[in-house]
Amino acid sequence: MDESKVKKIIGEALDEIVRAAKGSGELVPIGLMSSGSELGSNELALGGRFAQEQYRFIKVVMIGPRIEGFSDLEWIETDDCEADIQKAMEEALREGLIKGAVALHYPFPLGVATVGMIYTPAKGRPLIISTSTGTTSTDRVEAMILNAIYGTAVAKARNIEYPKVGILNVDGAQIVYRSLKRLEENGYEITFGSTVRQEGGSILRGNDLMAGSVDVCVTDTLTGNVLVKVFSAYNTGGNYESLGWGYGPSVGEDWPYVISIISRASGAPVIANAIHFTAEVALAGLPSLVKREVTMAKDAGLEIVLAELRGKKEEKEVEIEPPKPEPTDEEIQGIDVLTIEDAVKVLWSHGIYAESAMGCTGPVIKVPSRFLVEAKQLLKEEGYL
């Protein structure tokens, strides 16, 4: 699907939201599980009510055991059993009774994850966290590359035409950045954002999470999950998530549904926001946008990039003796901590003495000044810089 058609689809979806908000369009049905919260079932129903009252284009469909006092919400009643609630939710999605669903738990298959969104306190703006539950790959670096693509699709579903992307400074970040740059050079449209820190660049620090310096923060799922929890509950003592949009909608190359995740500690405000987030991306056709984004990345060589990364992991290590030690008075930055020792051995194999170290902004390789230019060139040729 070309860019103009995608823009038309998104535009029509947003028009539908506006028409519905004015009372002239059909309501968008979004399912919400009614059981399983640590805060009690009433909190879930309150979240559903808040969403329905605040966003007039949404119709909340509660799924599970009925809760007294919430007759203003539509119900698909089941026994108070997670398996029964999940089955009813899946049937409602398949039959089109709901356009998306918000769940406290869902066993996504490997390759499917959720893209969360947090409220950044310093600037008061949303920041997409890709990803926050599930996993797009069992390999951390591969997953983060895919997370960048999926997070971009979610941002576009939120009508951000050219979302700015940054990579959180965790293990693998530099490899992810270089891989995404390769895709960009081969034609994949990705817009890199910049840290608010003085050094610049697209590798993000904690400061960037506070400020929301980009639209999409790429990280691994476990880190993303922690971030969503912290930013949702830092002002409540931790047992009540009051801020943000939850752990976000599900994404995967061939995944057809929009199932968003909230925590068992999510309060009514977060639940209401999660319902709105779900309706927003469901109306924009998120599964189709994800498929399109992956196709564009593949056209730019995604599968080749991932295959090369897998191949490097599978190569047998060869023992290399270091050259005679000498003073190292220069530092080379920008090498990921996961590959820093391999990069040192590359220099050793060319007769350059080098040492790995941890600088104030991340891992560095220390080399003698007389070898600085040659060492940088070698590391670039070998894909470490």
Protein backbone atom coordinates (compact mmCIF):
# COMPACT_ATOMS: atom_id res chain seq x y z
CA MET A 1 0.00 0.00 0.00
CA ASP A 2 1.49 3.36 -0.97
CA GLU A 3 1.88 6.39 1.29
CA SER A 4 -1.07 8.32 -0.14
CA LYS A 5 -3.49 5.44 0.48
CA VAL A 6 -2.25 5.03 4.04
CA LYS A 7 -2.71 8.75 4.70
CA LYS A 8 -6.21 8.51 3.26
CA ILE A 9 -7.09 5.59 5.53
CA ILE A 10 -5.77 7.40 8.60
CA GLY A 11 -7.52 10.59 7.59
CA GLU A 12 -10.84 8.81 7.12
CA ALA A 13 -10.44 7.10 10.49
CA LEU A 14 -9.81 10.43 12.22
CA ASP A 15 -12.81 11.94 10.44
CA GLU A 16 -14.87 9.07 11.80
CA ILE A 17 -13.66 9.87 15.33
CA VAL A 18 -14.66 13.51 14.92
CA ARG A 19 -18.09 12.62 13.49
CA ALA A 20 -18.70 10.15 16.29
CA ALA A 21 -17.60 12.64 18.93
CA LYS A 22 -20.27 14.99 17.62
CA GLY A 23 -22.88 12.28 17.92
CA SER A 24 -23.36 11.68 14.21
CA GLY A 25 -21.36 8.50 13.77
CA GLU A 26 -21.41 4.95 15.09
CA LEU A 27 -19.77 4.31 18.42
CA VAL A 28 -16.51 2.36 18.46
CA PRO A 29 -16.88 -0.75 20.65
CA ILE A 30 -13.84 -1.60 22.78
CA GLY A 31 -13.81 -4.61 25.08
CA LEU A 32 -12.54 -4.50 28.67
CA MET A 33 -12.01 -7.46 30.98
CA SER A 34 -14.10 -7.05 34.15
CA SER A 35 -12.09 -9.27 36.49
CA GLY A 36 -8.52 -9.77 37.70
CA SER A 37 -7.55 -6.35 39.08
CA GLU A 38 -5.68 -6.13 42.38
CA LEU A 39 -7.73 -2.97 43.00
CA GLY A 40 -11.05 -4.76 42.62
CA SER A 41 -13.47 -5.18 39.75
CA ASN A 42 -15.15 -1.83 40.48
CA GLU A 43 -11.92 -0.07 39.46
CA LEU A 44 -12.07 -1.72 36.04
CA ALA A 45 -15.69 -0.74 35.52
CA LEU A 46 -14.95 2.81 36.68
CA GLY A 47 -12.19 3.01 34.09
CA GLY A 48 -14.66 1.85 31.46
CA ARG A 49 -17.18 4.45 32.57
CA PHE A 50 -14.56 7.24 32.56
CA ALA A 51 -13.57 6.32 28.99
CA GLN A 52 -17.15 6.24 27.78
CA GLU A 53 -17.95 9.59 29.41
CA GLN A 54 -14.77 11.35 28.33
CA TYR A 55 -14.50 9.98 24.78
CA ARG A 56 -17.98 10.12 23.34
CA PHE A 57 -17.12 8.07 20.25
CA ILE A 58 -16.31 4.99 22.36
CA LYS A 59 -18.70 2.29 23.57
CA VAL A 60 -17.15 0.16 26.31
CA VAL A 61 -18.08 -3.52 26.30
CA MET A 62 -17.27 -5.17 29.62
CA ILE A 63 -16.33 -8.85 29.32
CA GLY A 64 -16.63 -11.14 32.33
CA PRO A 65 -18.80 -11.34 35.45
CA ARG A 66 -21.30 -8.47 35.71
CA ILE A 67 -20.61 -5.77 38.31
CA GLU A 68 -23.62 -4.16 39.98
CA GLY A 69 -24.10 -0.46 39.47
CA PHE A 70 -22.70 -0.26 35.94
CA SER A 71 -25.75 -0.74 33.74
CA ASP A 72 -24.56 2.20 31.61
CA LEU A 73 -21.92 -0.13 30.16
CA GLU A 74 -22.59 -2.95 27.72
CA TRP A 75 -21.79 -6.48 28.94
CA ILE A 76 -20.71 -9.83 27.58
CA GLU A 77 -21.18 -11.94 30.69
CA THR A 78 -19.03 -14.94 31.57
CA ASP A 79 -18.07 -16.86 34.69
CA ASP A 80 -15.32 -15.38 36.86
CA CYS A 81 -12.65 -17.47 35.15
CA GLU A 82 -9.74 -15.95 33.22
CA ALA A 83 -9.91 -18.63 30.50
CA ASP A 84 -13.64 -18.01 29.94
CA ILE A 85 -13.15 -14.23 29.83
CA GLN A 86 -10.27 -14.58 27.38
CA LYS A 87 -12.30 -16.92 25.15
CA ALA A 88 -15.25 -14.51 25.09
CA MET A 89 -12.93 -11.62 24.26
CA GLU A 90 -11.35 -13.53 21.37
CA GLU A 91 -14.77 -14.49 19.98
CA ALA A 92 -15.94 -10.87 20.17
CA LEU A 93 -12.85 -9.75 18.27
CA ARG A 94 -13.23 -12.43 15.59
CA GLU A 95 -16.93 -11.68 15.10
CA GLY A 96 -16.32 -7.92 14.96
CA LEU A 97 -18.45 -7.19 18.04
CA ILE A 98 -15.52 -5.15 19.33
CA LYS A 99 -12.77 -3.33 17.39
CA GLY A 100 -10.14 -3.86 20.06
CA ALA A 101 -9.80 -5.05 23.64
CA VAL A 102 -8.08 -4.10 26.88
CA ALA A 103 -6.90 -7.03 28.97
CA LEU A 104 -5.01 -7.51 32.23
CA HIS A 105 -3.19 -10.48 30.76
CA TYR A 106 -2.94 -12.21 27.40
CA PRO A 107 -0.64 -15.06 26.24
CA PHE A 108 0.70 -13.50 23.05
CA PRO A 109 2.62 -15.83 20.73
CA LEU A 110 6.35 -15.36 20.20
CA GLY A 111 6.87 -12.46 17.81
CA VAL A 112 4.00 -10.39 19.19
CA ALA A 113 4.53 -7.64 21.77
CA THR A 114 2.78 -4.54 23.05
CA VAL A 115 3.82 -0.92 22.57
CA GLY A 116 3.20 1.17 25.68
CA MET A 117 3.01 4.89 26.27
CA ILE A 118 4.06 6.97 29.27
CA TYR A 119 3.46 10.52 30.44
CA THR A 120 6.78 12.38 30.65
CA PRO A 121 6.78 14.63 33.74
CA ALA A 122 9.29 17.28 32.64
CA LYS A 123 7.48 18.27 29.44
CA GLY A 124 4.04 16.77 29.98
CA ARG A 125 3.90 14.90 26.69
CA PRO A 126 3.35 11.26 25.70
CA LEU A 127 6.29 9.00 24.88
CA ILE A 128 5.82 5.65 23.15
CA ILE A 129 7.80 2.80 24.73
CA SER A 130 8.48 0.02 22.27
CA THR A 131 8.02 -2.59 23.66
CA SER A 132 6.50 -3.28 27.09
CA THR A 133 5.07 -6.83 27.22
CA GLY A 134 5.50 -9.92 25.03
CA THR A 135 8.55 -10.21 22.79
CA THR A 136 9.20 -9.64 19.10
CA SER A 137 12.26 -11.93 19.13
CA THR A 138 14.17 -14.09 21.60
CA ASP A 139 17.34 -12.18 20.62
CA ARG A 140 17.62 -8.84 22.39
CA VAL A 141 19.20 -6.84 19.54
CA GLU A 142 16.95 -8.33 16.87
CA ALA A 143 13.93 -7.59 19.05
CA MET A 144 14.94 -3.96 19.46
CA ILE A 145 15.35 -3.50 15.71
CA LEU A 146 11.84 -4.87 15.22
CA ASN A 147 10.60 -2.75 18.13
CA ALA A 148 11.74 0.38 16.30
CA ILE A 149 9.70 -0.63 13.28
CA TYR A 150 6.62 -1.57 15.31
CA GLY A 151 6.85 1.53 17.49
CA THR A 152 6.97 3.66 14.35
CA ALA A 153 3.79 1.98 13.10
CA VAL A 154 2.01 2.72 16.38
CA ALA A 155 3.12 6.36 16.23
CA LYS A 156 1.75 6.64 12.70
CA ALA A 157 -1.51 5.09 13.90
CA ARG A 158 -1.61 8.03 16.33
CA ASN A 159 -1.33 10.36 13.32
CA ILE A 160 2.35 11.24 13.83
CA GLU A 161 3.42 11.27 10.20
CA TYR A 162 7.19 11.28 10.78
CA PRO A 163 7.77 10.00 14.31
CA LYS A 164 11.15 10.73 15.84
CA VAL A 165 12.87 7.57 17.04
CA GLY A 166 15.55 7.16 19.71
CA ILE A 167 17.21 4.08 21.22
CA LEU A 168 17.50 3.79 24.98
CA ASN A 169 21.09 3.37 26.17
CA VAL A 170 20.84 -0.31 27.16
CA ASP A 171 22.99 -3.25 26.06
CA GLY A 172 22.76 -3.53 22.27
CA ALA A 173 21.74 0.09 21.63
CA GLN A 174 24.67 0.95 19.34
CA ILE A 175 24.18 -2.19 17.26
CA VAL A 176 20.48 -1.39 16.92
CA TYR A 177 21.25 2.18 15.85
CA ARG A 178 23.76 1.10 13.19
CA SER A 179 21.36 -1.53 11.88
CA LEU A 180 18.55 1.00 11.59
CA LYS A 181 20.92 3.44 9.87
CA ARG A 182 21.69 0.75 7.29
CA LEU A 183 17.99 0.35 6.63
CA GLU A 184 17.63 4.12 6.31
CA GLU A 185 20.51 4.27 3.83
CA ASN A 186 18.78 1.54 1.80
CA GLY A 187 15.54 3.50 1.58
CA TYR A 188 13.58 2.78 4.77
CA GLU A 189 11.97 6.00 5.98
CA ILE A 190 12.88 6.49 9.61
CA THR A 191 13.39 9.79 11.40
CA PHE A 192 15.97 9.73 14.17
CA GLY A 193 15.42 12.02 17.13
CA SER A 194 18.09 13.39 19.44
CA THR A 195 18.87 13.29 23.12
CA VAL A 196 18.46 16.48 25.14
CA ARG A 197 21.97 15.96 26.44
CA GLN A 198 24.80 18.07 25.06
CA GLU A 199 26.52 15.20 23.23
CA GLY A 200 23.53 14.81 20.90
CA GLY A 201 22.77 11.68 18.90
CA SER A 202 19.91 9.20 18.95
CA ILE A 203 21.03 7.15 21.93
CA LEU A 204 18.73 8.19 24.78
CA ARG A 205 19.49 8.75 28.46
CA GLY A 206 17.20 8.84 31.46
CA ASN A 207 16.88 12.60 30.94
CA ASP A 208 15.14 11.92 27.63
CA LEU A 209 12.53 9.76 29.32
CA MET A 210 11.74 12.63 31.66
CA ALA A 211 11.58 15.18 28.85
CA GLY A 212 10.06 13.09 26.07
CA SER A 213 12.72 14.19 23.60
CA VAL A 214 11.47 11.78 20.90
CA ASP A 215 8.17 10.21 19.89
CA VAL A 216 9.32 6.58 20.11
CA CYS A 217 11.77 5.18 22.66
CA VAL A 218 13.14 1.82 21.51
CA THR A 219 14.16 -0.66 24.19
CA ASP A 220 13.87 -4.33 25.11
CA THR A 221 10.58 -5.53 26.57
CA LEU A 222 11.77 -6.15 30.13
CA THR A 223 13.21 -2.65 30.40
CA GLY A 224 10.12 -1.20 28.73
CA ASN A 225 7.86 -2.99 31.17
CA VAL A 226 9.75 -1.53 34.13
CA LEU A 227 9.61 1.96 32.61
CA VAL A 228 5.85 1.84 32.14
CA LYS A 229 5.37 0.63 35.72
CA VAL A 230 7.63 3.34 37.19
CA PHE A 231 6.18 6.20 35.16
CA SER A 232 2.62 5.02 35.87
CA ALA A 233 2.96 4.78 39.64
CA TYR A 234 5.88 6.94 40.82
CA ASN A 235 3.50 9.48 42.40
CA THR A 236 1.28 6.99 44.28
CA GLY A 237 3.67 4.80 46.22
CA GLY A 238 3.68 2.06 43.59
CA ASN A 239 0.52 0.08 44.30
CA TYR A 240 -1.78 2.20 42.11
CA GLU A 241 -0.94 3.13 38.53
CA SER A 242 -2.50 6.52 37.94
CA LEU A 243 -0.64 8.02 34.96
CA GLY A 244 -0.23 7.13 31.32
CA TRP A 245 -1.85 4.79 28.85
CA GLY A 246 -0.79 1.36 30.09
CA TYR A 247 1.30 -1.21 28.29
CA GLY A 248 -0.28 -0.53 24.93
CA PRO A 249 -1.66 -2.34 21.88
CA SER A 250 -0.34 -5.59 20.44
CA VAL A 251 1.84 -5.61 17.32
CA GLY A 252 3.27 -8.35 15.13
CA GLU A 253 3.88 -8.82 11.42
CA ASP A 254 0.91 -11.13 10.86
CA TRP A 255 -1.00 -10.38 14.07
CA PRO A 256 -4.60 -9.38 13.22
CA TYR A 257 -5.95 -8.05 16.53
CA VAL A 258 -5.60 -4.95 18.67
CA ILE A 259 -5.35 -6.26 22.23
CA SER A 260 -3.96 -3.78 24.72
CA ILE A 261 -2.53 -4.66 28.12
CA ILE A 262 -3.00 -2.94 31.45
CA SER A 263 -1.56 -3.96 34.80
CA ARG A 264 -3.46 -5.57 37.66
CA ALA A 265 -2.45 -2.39 39.52
CA SER A 266 -3.75 0.00 36.84
CA GLY A 267 -6.20 2.54 38.23
CA ALA A 268 -9.31 3.89 36.52
CA PRO A 269 -7.52 6.87 34.87
CA VAL A 270 -4.97 4.59 33.19
CA ILE A 271 -7.70 2.13 32.20
CA ALA A 272 -9.69 4.93 30.55
CA ASN A 273 -6.60 6.14 28.69
CA ALA A 274 -5.79 2.58 27.58
CA ILE A 275 -9.30 2.22 26.15
CA HIS A 276 -8.88 5.47 24.21
CA PHE A 277 -5.40 4.45 22.98
CA THR A 278 -6.86 1.14 21.79
CA ALA A 279 -9.76 2.80 19.97
CA GLU A 280 -7.44 5.32 18.34
CA VAL A 281 -5.05 2.78 16.82
CA ALA A 282 -7.80 0.29 15.99
CA LEU A 283 -9.62 2.93 13.94
CA ALA A 284 -6.37 3.76 12.15
CA GLY A 285 -5.99 0.09 11.13
CA LEU A 286 -2.92 -0.72 13.24
CA PRO A 287 -2.43 -4.33 12.00
CA SER A 288 -2.32 -3.09 8.40
CA LEU A 289 0.04 -0.26 9.29
CA VAL A 290 2.37 -2.71 11.04
CA LYS A 291 2.35 -5.00 8.01
CA ARG A 292 3.13 -2.08 5.72
CA GLU A 293 5.96 -0.82 7.95
CA VAL A 294 7.58 -4.27 8.06
CA THR A 295 7.27 -4.60 4.28
CA MET A 296 9.07 -1.28 3.78
CA ALA A 297 11.83 -2.36 6.16
CA LYS A 298 12.18 -5.67 4.32
CA ASP A 299 12.43 -3.83 1.01
CA ALA A 300 15.37 -1.95 2.57
CA GLY A 301 17.14 -5.16 3.59
CA LEU A 302 15.76 -5.98 7.04
CA GLU A 303 16.08 -9.73 6.60
CA ILE A 304 19.69 -9.40 5.43
CA VAL A 305 20.59 -7.22 8.42
CA LEU A 306 19.02 -9.68 10.87
CA ALA A 307 20.64 -12.68 9.17
CA GLU A 308 24.08 -11.05 9.41
CA LEU A 309 23.57 -10.36 13.11
CA ARG A 310 22.57 -13.98 13.70
CA GLY A 311 25.59 -15.15 11.72
CA LYS A 312 27.98 -13.11 13.83
CA LYS A 313 26.56 -14.68 16.99
CA GLU A 314 27.04 -18.17 15.60
CA GLU A 315 30.66 -17.68 14.55
CA LYS A 316 33.12 -19.67 16.65
CA GLU A 317 35.38 -17.58 18.82
CA VAL A 318 39.02 -17.66 17.84
CA GLU A 319 41.56 -17.06 20.58
CA ILE A 320 43.72 -14.05 19.71
CA GLU A 321 46.77 -13.07 21.71
CA PRO A 322 47.06 -9.35 22.45
CA PRO A 323 50.10 -7.39 21.17
CA LYS A 324 52.68 -6.13 23.64
CA PRO A 325 50.98 -3.66 26.04
CA GLU A 326 51.71 0.05 25.63
CA PRO A 327 50.14 3.26 26.98
CA THR A 328 46.61 3.94 25.70
CA ASP A 329 45.91 7.66 25.64
CA GLU A 330 42.98 7.87 23.21
CA GLU A 331 39.38 6.62 23.49
CA ILE A 332 37.04 5.35 20.79
CA GLN A 333 33.36 5.72 21.66
CA GLY A 334 30.18 4.43 20.03
CA ILE A 335 30.78 0.68 20.34
CA ASP A 336 28.10 -1.38 22.00
CA VAL A 337 28.93 -3.11 25.26
CA LEU A 338 27.75 -6.44 23.79
CA THR A 339 30.48 -6.33 21.15
CA ILE A 340 33.20 -4.36 22.89
CA GLU A 341 35.46 -7.38 23.58
CA ASP A 342 35.09 -8.65 20.01
CA ALA A 343 36.05 -5.20 18.73
CA VAL A 344 39.18 -5.21 20.91
CA LYS A 345 40.20 -8.57 19.44
CA VAL A 346 39.79 -7.20 15.91
CA LEU A 347 42.37 -4.53 16.73
CA TRP A 348 44.65 -7.10 18.36
CA SER A 349 44.50 -9.21 15.21
CA HIS A 350 45.91 -6.22 13.31
CA GLY A 351 48.71 -5.65 15.75
CA ILE A 352 47.11 -2.76 17.60
CA TYR A 353 47.13 -2.94 21.36
CA ALA A 354 43.72 -1.99 22.77
CA GLU A 355 41.79 -2.21 26.03
CA SER A 356 38.09 -2.05 26.77
CA ALA A 357 36.85 0.30 29.47
CA MET A 358 33.69 1.99 30.67
CA GLY A 359 33.62 5.73 30.12
CA CYS A 360 31.17 8.23 31.60
CA THR A 361 28.88 7.94 28.57
CA GLY A 362 29.28 4.22 27.96
CA PRO A 363 31.83 1.64 26.84
CA VAL A 364 35.02 2.80 25.12
CA ILE A 365 38.11 1.23 23.54
CA LYS A 366 41.40 2.73 24.62
CA VAL A 367 44.21 2.74 22.05
CA PRO A 368 47.62 4.40 21.62
CA SER A 369 47.23 7.78 19.91
CA ARG A 370 49.45 6.72 17.02
CA PHE A 371 46.91 4.03 16.10
CA LEU A 372 43.72 6.10 16.58
CA VAL A 373 42.91 6.79 12.91
CA GLU A 374 43.77 3.25 11.78
CA ALA A 375 41.82 1.68 14.65
CA LYS A 376 38.70 3.69 13.88
CA GLN A 377 38.88 2.73 10.22
CA LEU A 378 39.25 -0.97 11.04
CA LEU A 379 36.30 -0.89 13.43
CA LYS A 380 34.15 0.86 10.82
CA GLU A 381 35.09 -1.71 8.19
CA GLU A 382 34.19 -4.54 10.57
CA GLY A 383 30.85 -2.98 11.49
CA TYR A 384 31.61 -2.02 15.08
CA LEU A 385 31.28 1.72 14.47
